[in-house]
Amino acid sequence: MIEVLLNTVGVAVLWLAVEYGLKHQTAQSLEDASLIPFADDPEVARRVELATGKTVKAVAPEVLKPGWGNLDI
């Protein structure tokens, strides 16, 4: 019986924490956050824009400086 009570309290605390964390978010900010994983690859960002119709604020990938290569560890 105590386990059921503790599980119920745990679910309620989790729900309240999520509600509090998302309290000040707007629909636009949540939409922007959902598109962040596609922002670092311009080609994928274009495909997502074509598929969803939403604008992805993509950033250009870093260009390697002359003389600098990938670091292999």
C-alpha atoms as a PDB file:
ATOM      1  CA  MET A   1       0.000   0.000   0.000  1.00  0.00           C
ATOM      2  CA  ILE A   2       2.821   2.383   0.849  1.00  0.00           C
ATOM      3  CA  GLU A   3       4.416   1.663  -2.546  1.00  0.00           C
ATOM      4  CA  VAL A   4       1.271   2.788  -4.355  1.00  0.00           C
ATOM      5  CA  LEU A   5       1.214   5.992  -2.305  1.00  0.00           C
ATOM      6  CA  LEU A   6       4.902   6.694  -2.988  1.00  0.00           C
ATOM      7  CA  ASN A   7       4.466   6.013  -6.707  1.00  0.00           C
ATOM      8  CA  THR A   8       1.487   8.369  -6.829  1.00  0.00           C
ATOM      9  CA  VAL A   9       3.439  11.084  -5.018  1.00  0.00           C
ATOM     10  CA  GLY A  10       6.388  10.557  -7.385  1.00  0.00           C
ATOM     11  CA  VAL A  11       4.204  10.911 -10.481  1.00  0.00           C
ATOM     12  CA  ALA A  12       2.556  14.030  -9.031  1.00  0.00           C
ATOM     13  CA  VAL A  13       5.944  15.623  -8.259  1.00  0.00           C
ATOM     14  CA  LEU A  14       7.217  14.823 -11.755  1.00  0.00           C
ATOM     15  CA  TRP A  15       4.086  16.296 -13.351  1.00  0.00           C
ATOM     16  CA  LEU A  16       4.340  19.474 -11.240  1.00  0.00           C
ATOM     17  CA  ALA A  17       8.049  19.845 -12.065  1.00  0.00           C
ATOM     18  CA  VAL A  18       7.372  19.598 -15.804  1.00  0.00           C
ATOM     19  CA  GLU A  19       4.465  22.038 -15.546  1.00  0.00           C
ATOM     20  CA  TYR A  20       6.633  24.517 -13.622  1.00  0.00           C
ATOM     21  CA  GLY A  21       9.516  24.149 -16.090  1.00  0.00           C
ATOM     22  CA  LEU A  22       7.297  24.797 -19.114  1.00  0.00           C
ATOM     23  CA  LYS A  23       5.195  27.496 -17.462  1.00  0.00           C
ATOM     24  CA  HIS A  24       6.748  30.483 -19.220  1.00  0.00           C
ATOM     25  CA  GLN A  25       7.225  28.865 -22.635  1.00  0.00           C
ATOM     26  CA  THR A  26       5.312  30.093 -25.646  1.00  0.00           C
ATOM     27  CA  ALA A  27       4.170  28.019 -28.591  1.00  0.00           C
ATOM     28  CA  GLN A  28       6.814  29.717 -30.763  1.00  0.00           C
ATOM     29  CA  SER A  29       9.658  28.973 -28.347  1.00  0.00           C
ATOM     30  CA  LEU A  30       8.612  25.316 -28.082  1.00  0.00           C
ATOM     31  CA  GLU A  31       8.442  25.065 -31.882  1.00  0.00           C
ATOM     32  CA  ASP A  32      11.914  26.602 -32.201  1.00  0.00           C
ATOM     33  CA  ALA A  33      13.250  24.162 -29.606  1.00  0.00           C
ATOM     34  CA  SER A  34      11.829  21.201 -31.519  1.00  0.00           C
ATOM     35  CA  LEU A  35      13.777  22.261 -34.636  1.00  0.00           C
ATOM     36  CA  ILE A  36      17.161  22.736 -32.890  1.00  0.00           C
ATOM     37  CA  PRO A  37      18.453  19.217 -33.708  1.00  0.00           C
ATOM     38  CA  PHE A  38      18.329  20.080 -37.419  1.00  0.00           C
ATOM     39  CA  ALA A  39      20.004  23.496 -37.182  1.00  0.00           C
ATOM     40  CA  ASP A  40      23.614  22.390 -37.588  1.00  0.00           C
ATOM     41  CA  ASP A  41      23.186  20.656 -40.959  1.00  0.00           C
ATOM     42  CA  PRO A  42      21.900  22.966 -43.717  1.00  0.00           C
ATOM     43  CA  GLU A  43      20.930  20.085 -46.032  1.00  0.00           C
ATOM     44  CA  VAL A  44      18.847  18.374 -43.354  1.00  0.00           C
ATOM     45  CA  ALA A  45      17.370  21.734 -42.397  1.00  0.00           C
ATOM     46  CA  ARG A  46      16.200  22.227 -46.000  1.00  0.00           C
ATOM     47  CA  ARG A  47      14.610  18.773 -46.066  1.00  0.00           C
ATOM     48  CA  VAL A  48      12.819  19.426 -42.770  1.00  0.00           C
ATOM     49  CA  GLU A  49      11.574  22.771 -44.095  1.00  0.00           C
ATOM     50  CA  LEU A  50      10.222  21.081 -47.221  1.00  0.00           C
ATOM     51  CA  ALA A  51       8.581  18.277 -45.230  1.00  0.00           C
ATOM     52  CA  THR A  52       7.042  20.389 -42.453  1.00  0.00           C
ATOM     53  CA  GLY A  53       6.762  23.882 -43.896  1.00  0.00           C
ATOM     54  CA  LYS A  54       8.423  25.274 -40.755  1.00  0.00           C
ATOM     55  CA  THR A  55      11.483  27.509 -41.014  1.00  0.00           C
ATOM     56  CA  VAL A  56      14.641  26.077 -39.461  1.00  0.00           C
ATOM     57  CA  LYS A  57      17.188  28.679 -38.367  1.00  0.00           C
ATOM     58  CA  ALA A  58      20.212  26.760 -39.639  1.00  0.00           C
ATOM     59  CA  VAL A  59      23.775  27.786 -38.987  1.00  0.00           C
ATOM     60  CA  ALA A  60      26.578  27.177 -41.450  1.00  0.00           C
ATOM     61  CA  PRO A  61      29.006  24.425 -40.466  1.00  0.00           C
ATOM     62  CA  GLU A  62      32.439  25.506 -39.339  1.00  0.00           C
ATOM     63  CA  VAL A  63      34.989  25.771 -42.115  1.00  0.00           C
ATOM     64  CA  LEU A  64      38.380  24.336 -41.312  1.00  0.00           C
ATOM     65  CA  LYS A  65      41.126  26.908 -41.127  1.00  0.00           C
ATOM     66  CA  PRO A  66      44.087  26.351 -43.462  1.00  0.00           C
ATOM     67  CA  GLY A  67      46.625  24.139 -41.747  1.00  0.00           C
ATOM     68  CA  TRP A  68      44.108  22.882 -39.205  1.00  0.00           C
ATOM     69  CA  GLY A  69      42.760  19.390 -39.584  1.00  0.00           C
ATOM     70  CA  ASN A  70      40.624  17.071 -37.590  1.00  0.00           C
ATOM     71  CA  LEU A  71      42.222  16.054 -34.338  1.00  0.00           C
ATOM     72  CA  ASP A  72      42.494  12.307 -33.935  1.00  0.00           C
ATOM     73  CA  ILE A  73      42.891  11.166 -30.358  1.00  0.00           C
END
